Amino acid sequence: MAKNIRWQDRKGERGVYVGWFAILLPFFVAVMGLGVDMAHYRFAKAQLQNAADAAALAGAKSLNGTSGGRTTAVNLATAFAQEHVIDGATMEEDEVVQNDVGRWGLTDESFTTASISDAAANAVRVSVRRDAVTSYFSPILSDSLESRALSATAMAVAGGAGAVGCAAPIAIATCVLNYDADGDLICPTNLSFQNGTTAVGLTHPDGTSPVNGNNTKPYIKAAVDNPLTCDSPSLAGTTIHLQNGNDLTNTSVNDINSATSNGANPVPIVMPVIDKSCGSGGPTYNQSATIVGYMKMRIVGARWTGAAPAAVAAACPTLGKKNICVTSDCSAFTPTSYGGTVQVDSAKVHLVR
């Protein structure tokens, strides 16, 4: 009799289990379905992020401080985004919802598009969006969950030097630089102070002012005595004060010619490139300007009031009195960070967001 009672109890327990299973089964199916859909969303989101990353990187590779480079950056970013397949369908042009060229601040990590010149534009921001990523199981719970909108954003900065540890106290305006048909920088030659459309200016890389020949002597000596290794850090995006170099001192002339063996052994330097337009007579350096990048050049020598040393005169035939001779180098150098728009290296383009 007791045995029959235990058997009946167990039959009741099994009935309870079946009942609970029937009640909970839809919940388990819903949870599993949501898990599948969430995994699908993550996969589609990753595809969108890859598209945004590739588009931003492709665009940033073209930023070289020119209007042509800026236009190419926008076009390439859109084209590269459209090469990607998202959730089984190729991305359409209208799904690239944001494609901006602007400036990335290296210190405050901000991005702005307002009043950014071609020379200062160092970053591309791309946002992509797919409005209807298919849901497989979620519609069981609600028709409103039939699909889901997903988006991704990426930002990449240009591959030019954005900061250097040893900047020379000589700056060059962007308007002095020229580019070939492929957008590559043509290295300038025969640069000097007050030299029209090939003029350079005197500056303090650390941004201090005023700038004149006398208080620039220690900067010049440091740059020529310890080329590329001097302790004179500089950051793109900062404002520096300038002067046209008309009061270069005899001390600086002697320091330069001593370091270069009167022009026989030109000294490599890294020059700040400033965002500045040229008038008909070239750039005017008696004011302040913003650094947008750096380029590697060489100081050949200098001239005081007499004749320039023979090697210096050969490199800069029109060199005036109390002046310096700077010529092209443009060979690669390793900056402390990237994000500049001059002498760009496409391999150094990188994502910042």
Protein backbone atom coordinates (compact mmCIF):
# COMPACT_ATOMS: atom_id res chain seq x y z
CA MET A 1 0.00 0.00 0.00
CA ALA A 2 2.83 2.42 0.90
CA LYS A 3 4.56 1.51 -2.37
CA ASN A 4 1.52 2.55 -4.36
CA ILE A 5 1.33 5.85 -2.53
CA ARG A 6 5.02 6.62 -3.32
CA TRP A 7 4.40 5.79 -6.99
CA GLN A 8 1.42 8.12 -7.14
CA ASP A 9 3.51 10.90 -5.50
CA ARG A 10 6.20 10.53 -8.16
CA LYS A 11 3.62 10.61 -10.94
CA GLY A 12 2.41 13.90 -9.46
CA GLU A 13 5.95 15.27 -9.35
CA ARG A 14 6.49 14.41 -13.00
CA GLY A 15 3.30 16.21 -13.86
CA VAL A 16 4.55 19.31 -12.03
CA TYR A 17 7.86 19.18 -13.92
CA VAL A 18 6.08 18.86 -17.25
CA GLY A 19 3.87 21.78 -16.35
CA TRP A 20 6.80 24.00 -15.39
CA PHE A 21 8.67 22.98 -18.54
CA ALA A 22 5.70 23.91 -20.67
CA ILE A 23 5.48 27.27 -18.91
CA LEU A 24 9.22 28.04 -19.15
CA LEU A 25 9.87 26.69 -22.66
CA PRO A 26 8.81 29.91 -24.45
CA PHE A 27 11.08 31.87 -22.10
CA PHE A 28 14.04 29.60 -22.86
CA VAL A 29 13.38 29.87 -26.59
CA ALA A 30 13.10 33.65 -26.33
CA VAL A 31 16.39 33.90 -24.41
CA MET A 32 18.16 31.67 -26.92
CA GLY A 33 16.67 33.64 -29.80
CA LEU A 34 17.75 36.94 -28.28
CA GLY A 35 21.24 35.50 -27.84
CA VAL A 36 21.37 34.57 -31.50
CA ASP A 37 20.13 38.02 -32.54
CA MET A 38 22.58 39.79 -30.23
CA ALA A 39 25.46 37.80 -31.72
CA HIS A 40 24.21 38.73 -35.17
CA TYR A 41 24.05 42.40 -34.19
CA ARG A 42 27.59 42.29 -32.84
CA PHE A 43 28.80 40.73 -36.08
CA ALA A 44 27.05 43.37 -38.18
CA LYS A 45 28.39 46.11 -35.87
CA ALA A 46 31.91 44.77 -36.38
CA GLN A 47 31.38 44.88 -40.14
CA LEU A 48 30.23 48.49 -39.87
CA GLN A 49 33.25 49.38 -37.73
CA ASN A 50 35.60 47.78 -40.24
CA ALA A 51 33.99 49.84 -42.99
CA ALA A 52 34.33 53.07 -40.99
CA ASP A 53 37.94 52.29 -40.04
CA ALA A 54 38.97 51.51 -43.61
CA ALA A 55 37.22 54.60 -44.95
CA ALA A 56 38.81 56.96 -42.41
CA LEU A 57 42.29 55.51 -42.94
CA ALA A 58 41.97 55.71 -46.73
CA GLY A 59 40.89 59.31 -46.54
CA ALA A 60 43.55 60.41 -44.05
CA LYS A 61 46.32 59.04 -46.28
CA SER A 62 45.54 61.80 -48.78
CA LEU A 63 45.72 64.73 -46.36
CA ASN A 64 48.85 66.66 -47.33
CA GLY A 65 47.91 70.25 -46.56
CA THR A 66 46.47 70.99 -50.00
CA SER A 67 42.92 71.53 -51.24
CA GLY A 68 43.37 68.67 -53.70
CA GLY A 69 44.40 66.32 -50.93
CA ARG A 70 41.37 67.35 -48.89
CA THR A 71 38.97 66.65 -51.77
CA THR A 72 40.61 63.31 -52.49
CA ALA A 73 40.32 62.35 -48.82
CA VAL A 74 36.53 62.78 -48.87
CA ASN A 75 36.11 60.89 -52.13
CA LEU A 76 38.34 57.99 -51.08
CA ALA A 77 36.64 57.65 -47.71
CA THR A 78 33.24 57.23 -49.36
CA ALA A 79 34.60 54.85 -51.98
CA PHE A 80 36.31 52.60 -49.43
CA ALA A 81 33.21 52.45 -47.23
CA GLN A 82 31.14 51.31 -50.20
CA GLU A 83 33.50 48.39 -50.79
CA HIS A 84 32.26 46.71 -47.62
CA VAL A 85 29.43 44.21 -47.23
CA ILE A 86 27.22 44.71 -44.19
CA ASP A 87 24.77 41.99 -43.16
CA GLY A 88 24.95 40.43 -46.62
CA ALA A 89 24.46 43.65 -48.61
CA THR A 90 27.02 46.10 -49.99
CA MET A 91 27.05 49.49 -48.33
CA GLU A 92 25.30 52.28 -50.25
CA GLU A 93 26.56 55.84 -50.60
CA ASP A 94 23.72 57.26 -48.50
CA GLU A 95 24.72 54.92 -45.65
CA VAL A 96 27.93 56.95 -45.25
CA VAL A 97 26.13 59.43 -43.04
CA GLN A 98 29.15 61.47 -42.04
CA ASN A 99 32.39 62.13 -43.94
CA ASP A 100 34.20 65.13 -42.49
CA VAL A 101 37.69 66.52 -42.86
CA GLY A 102 38.88 68.62 -39.94
CA ARG A 103 41.55 68.97 -37.31
CA TRP A 104 42.36 66.55 -34.51
CA GLY A 105 43.90 68.24 -31.49
CA LEU A 106 46.93 66.27 -30.38
CA THR A 107 46.78 67.57 -26.81
CA ASP A 108 43.06 67.84 -26.04
CA GLU A 109 42.04 64.98 -28.38
CA SER A 110 39.24 67.03 -29.87
CA PHE A 111 37.96 67.16 -33.44
CA THR A 112 36.64 70.25 -35.14
CA THR A 113 35.59 71.15 -38.67
CA ALA A 114 34.90 74.85 -38.13
CA SER A 115 37.24 77.25 -39.96
CA ILE A 116 39.93 74.64 -40.62
CA SER A 117 42.23 75.52 -43.51
CA ASP A 118 43.49 72.96 -46.01
CA ALA A 119 46.95 73.13 -44.45
CA ALA A 120 45.62 72.52 -40.94
CA ALA A 121 43.16 69.73 -41.84
CA ASN A 122 44.81 66.60 -40.44
CA ALA A 123 41.99 64.14 -39.76
CA VAL A 124 39.05 62.37 -41.38
CA ARG A 125 35.94 61.30 -39.46
CA VAL A 126 33.60 58.76 -41.04
CA SER A 127 30.28 57.47 -39.72
CA VAL A 128 28.34 54.65 -41.39
CA ARG A 129 24.85 53.36 -40.62
CA ARG A 130 22.68 50.43 -41.61
CA ASP A 131 19.05 51.20 -40.73
CA ALA A 132 17.66 47.68 -40.94
CA VAL A 133 19.87 44.87 -39.68
CA THR A 134 17.66 41.79 -39.76
CA SER A 135 16.44 40.17 -36.52
CA TYR A 136 15.78 36.42 -36.67
CA PHE A 137 14.02 35.63 -33.37
CA SER A 138 13.23 38.97 -31.76
CA PRO A 139 10.06 39.51 -33.87
CA ILE A 140 8.52 36.58 -31.96
CA LEU A 141 8.36 38.90 -28.98
CA SER A 142 7.31 42.02 -30.88
CA ASP A 143 6.85 43.12 -34.48
CA SER A 144 8.78 46.27 -33.65
CA LEU A 145 11.91 44.13 -33.21
CA GLU A 146 11.90 42.97 -36.82
CA SER A 147 15.17 44.85 -37.49
CA ARG A 148 17.58 47.14 -35.73
CA ALA A 149 19.58 50.22 -36.79
CA LEU A 150 23.33 50.03 -36.19
CA SER A 151 26.12 52.55 -36.77
CA ALA A 152 29.88 52.98 -36.32
CA THR A 153 32.31 55.89 -36.37
CA ALA A 154 36.06 56.09 -36.93
CA MET A 155 38.61 58.88 -37.06
CA ALA A 156 42.10 58.74 -38.56
CA VAL A 157 44.89 61.33 -38.60
CA ALA A 158 47.45 62.15 -41.26
CA GLY A 159 50.88 60.58 -41.39
CA GLY A 160 53.05 63.68 -41.13
CA ALA A 161 55.02 64.62 -38.03
CA GLY A 162 52.77 66.05 -35.34
CA ALA A 163 55.49 66.67 -32.77
CA VAL A 164 59.28 66.67 -32.70
CA GLY A 165 61.88 66.81 -29.98
CA CYS A 166 64.33 69.08 -31.80
CA ALA A 167 62.79 71.86 -33.90
CA ALA A 168 65.00 74.46 -35.53
CA PRO A 169 64.28 78.18 -34.98
CA ILE A 170 63.54 78.56 -38.68
CA ALA A 171 59.97 78.25 -39.99
CA ILE A 172 58.59 77.90 -43.49
CA ALA A 173 55.12 78.93 -44.66
CA THR A 174 52.82 76.42 -46.35
CA CYS A 175 52.43 78.77 -49.30
CA VAL A 176 56.13 78.32 -50.12
CA LEU A 177 55.70 74.58 -50.61
CA ASN A 178 54.81 73.00 -53.94
CA TYR A 179 53.47 69.56 -54.85
CA ASP A 180 53.64 67.37 -57.94
CA ALA A 181 50.68 65.90 -59.82
CA ASP A 182 50.54 62.94 -57.40
CA GLY A 183 50.31 65.22 -54.40
CA ASP A 184 53.89 64.55 -53.27
CA LEU A 185 55.93 67.35 -51.78
CA ILE A 186 58.58 68.90 -54.05
CA CYS A 187 61.49 69.64 -51.74
CA PRO A 188 62.36 73.36 -51.88
CA THR A 189 65.89 74.67 -52.38
CA ASN A 190 67.70 77.99 -52.05
CA LEU A 191 65.71 79.15 -49.05
CA SER A 192 66.75 82.17 -47.00
CA PHE A 193 65.40 85.13 -45.05
CA GLN A 194 63.62 87.88 -47.04
CA ASN A 195 63.80 85.87 -50.25
CA GLY A 196 60.38 86.49 -51.77
CA THR A 197 58.40 83.36 -52.55
CA THR A 198 61.17 81.14 -51.17
CA ALA A 199 61.60 82.96 -47.88
CA VAL A 200 61.80 81.40 -44.44
CA GLY A 201 61.31 83.11 -41.09
CA LEU A 202 63.00 83.25 -37.72
CA THR A 203 61.14 81.84 -34.71
CA HIS A 204 61.34 80.30 -31.25
CA PRO A 205 60.03 76.71 -31.43
CA ASP A 206 58.82 76.91 -27.83
CA GLY A 207 56.45 79.79 -28.70
CA THR A 208 58.16 82.46 -26.61
CA SER A 209 58.34 86.04 -27.79
CA PRO A 210 59.55 88.50 -28.88
CA VAL A 211 61.65 86.95 -31.64
CA ASN A 212 64.77 88.73 -32.81
CA GLY A 213 68.26 87.88 -33.96
CA ASN A 214 69.84 88.44 -30.56
CA ASN A 215 67.54 86.29 -28.41
CA THR A 216 67.43 83.54 -31.06
CA LYS A 217 71.19 82.91 -30.83
CA PRO A 218 70.94 80.04 -28.30
CA TYR A 219 68.21 78.31 -30.35
CA ILE A 220 70.36 78.45 -33.50
CA LYS A 221 73.45 77.19 -31.72
CA ALA A 222 71.56 74.27 -30.16
CA ALA A 223 70.06 73.30 -33.53
CA VAL A 224 73.39 73.26 -35.42
CA ASP A 225 75.57 71.86 -32.63
CA ASN A 226 73.17 68.98 -31.89
CA PRO A 227 71.27 68.38 -35.13
CA LEU A 228 68.03 66.43 -34.70
CA THR A 229 68.85 65.69 -31.03
CA CYS A 230 68.66 69.13 -29.40
CA ASP A 231 66.22 69.70 -26.55
CA SER A 232 63.78 71.94 -28.39
CA PRO A 233 60.38 70.18 -28.46
CA SER A 234 57.58 71.44 -30.64
CA LEU A 235 53.95 70.41 -31.17
CA ALA A 236 51.75 70.88 -34.23
CA GLY A 237 48.70 72.98 -33.53
CA THR A 238 50.57 75.45 -31.32
CA THR A 239 51.08 79.08 -32.25
CA ILE A 240 54.60 80.48 -32.63
CA HIS A 241 55.84 84.01 -33.10
CA LEU A 242 57.83 84.94 -36.18
CA GLN A 243 60.26 87.48 -37.50
CA ASN A 244 61.68 88.00 -41.00
CA GLY A 245 65.29 87.37 -39.94
CA ASN A 246 66.68 90.75 -40.97
CA ASP A 247 68.73 91.11 -37.77
CA LEU A 248 70.61 87.79 -37.72
CA THR A 249 73.70 88.26 -35.56
CA ASN A 250 77.33 87.73 -36.49
CA THR A 251 77.52 85.22 -33.61
CA SER A 252 74.84 83.06 -35.22
CA VAL A 253 76.51 83.31 -38.62
CA ASN A 254 79.77 82.07 -37.09
CA ASP A 255 78.00 79.28 -35.17
CA ILE A 256 76.31 78.05 -38.35
CA ASN A 257 79.44 78.17 -40.53
CA SER A 258 81.49 76.47 -37.82
CA ALA A 259 78.97 73.62 -37.56
CA THR A 260 78.74 73.19 -41.35
CA SER A 261 82.46 73.66 -42.07
CA ASN A 262 81.59 76.73 -44.15
CA GLY A 263 79.04 74.80 -46.15
CA ALA A 264 81.09 71.67 -46.80
CA ASN A 265 78.98 69.60 -44.39
CA PRO A 266 75.39 70.85 -44.27
CA VAL A 267 73.59 70.19 -40.99
CA PRO A 268 70.17 68.45 -40.95
CA ILE A 269 67.38 70.30 -39.18
CA VAL A 270 63.64 69.86 -38.67
CA MET A 271 61.72 73.01 -39.58
CA PRO A 272 58.23 73.87 -38.33
CA VAL A 273 55.78 74.45 -41.18
CA ILE A 274 53.27 77.19 -40.45
CA ASP A 275 49.79 77.77 -41.86
CA LYS A 276 50.31 80.95 -43.82
CA SER A 277 49.35 82.38 -47.21
CA CYS A 278 51.66 84.32 -49.51
CA GLY A 279 51.19 87.72 -51.03
CA SER A 280 52.65 88.65 -54.38
CA GLY A 281 56.02 89.14 -52.74
CA GLY A 282 55.95 85.94 -50.69
CA PRO A 283 55.06 85.29 -47.05
CA THR A 284 55.25 87.94 -44.33
CA TYR A 285 56.80 86.55 -41.17
CA ASN A 286 56.45 89.48 -38.77
CA GLN A 287 53.45 87.96 -36.95
CA SER A 288 52.33 84.72 -35.33
CA ALA A 289 51.06 81.56 -37.04
CA THR A 290 50.04 77.97 -36.26
CA ILE A 291 52.30 74.98 -36.81
CA VAL A 292 50.70 72.35 -39.07
CA GLY A 293 53.65 70.01 -39.54
CA TYR A 294 57.40 69.61 -39.88
CA MET A 295 59.91 68.84 -42.62
CA LYS A 296 63.53 67.83 -42.65
CA MET A 297 65.88 70.30 -44.33
CA ARG A 298 69.57 71.23 -44.21
CA ILE A 299 71.38 74.40 -43.18
CA VAL A 300 74.23 74.83 -45.64
CA GLY A 301 75.75 77.91 -44.07
CA ALA A 302 75.37 81.63 -43.50
CA ARG A 303 76.65 85.00 -44.74
CA TRP A 304 77.57 88.05 -42.76
CA THR A 305 78.29 91.40 -44.48
CA GLY A 306 81.13 90.09 -46.64
CA ALA A 307 81.03 87.36 -49.26
CA ALA A 308 79.52 84.02 -48.31
CA PRO A 309 81.80 80.96 -48.11
CA ALA A 310 82.16 79.36 -51.56
CA ALA A 311 80.08 76.25 -50.78
CA VAL A 312 77.33 78.40 -49.28
CA ALA A 313 77.29 80.75 -52.28
CA ALA A 314 77.09 77.77 -54.64
CA ALA A 315 74.03 76.40 -52.85
CA CYS A 316 72.31 79.80 -52.52
CA PRO A 317 73.64 82.06 -55.30
CA THR A 318 71.36 84.96 -54.43
CA LEU A 319 72.01 84.88 -50.67
CA GLY A 320 71.86 88.34 -49.17
CA LYS A 321 73.87 89.77 -46.28
CA LYS A 322 73.17 88.67 -42.69
CA ASN A 323 71.37 85.61 -43.95
CA ILE A 324 71.25 81.83 -43.92
CA CYS A 325 71.16 79.25 -46.70
CA VAL A 326 68.71 76.37 -46.31
CA THR A 327 68.27 73.66 -48.92
CA SER A 328 66.26 70.51 -49.45
CA ASP A 329 66.56 67.21 -47.66
CA CYS A 330 63.03 65.89 -47.08
CA SER A 331 64.40 62.49 -46.12
CA ALA A 332 62.39 60.49 -43.61
CA PHE A 333 62.78 61.16 -39.91
CA THR A 334 61.14 59.78 -36.81
CA PRO A 335 58.97 62.31 -34.96
CA THR A 336 57.62 61.83 -31.47
CA SER A 337 54.07 61.58 -32.85
CA TYR A 338 52.10 61.89 -36.08
CA GLY A 339 49.18 64.03 -37.19
CA GLY A 340 50.95 66.69 -39.27
CA THR A 341 50.06 67.45 -42.89
CA VAL A 342 53.54 68.00 -44.33
CA GLN A 343 55.95 65.38 -45.68
CA VAL A 344 53.32 62.76 -44.95
CA ASP A 345 53.99 59.04 -44.75
CA SER A 346 50.94 56.96 -45.66
CA ALA A 347 52.21 54.10 -43.51
CA LYS A 348 51.98 56.33 -40.42
CA VAL A 349 48.29 57.14 -40.76
CA HIS A 350 46.51 55.81 -37.70
CA LEU A 351 43.14 55.62 -36.01
CA VAL A 352 42.51 57.81 -32.98
CA ARG A 353 38.86 56.82 -32.40
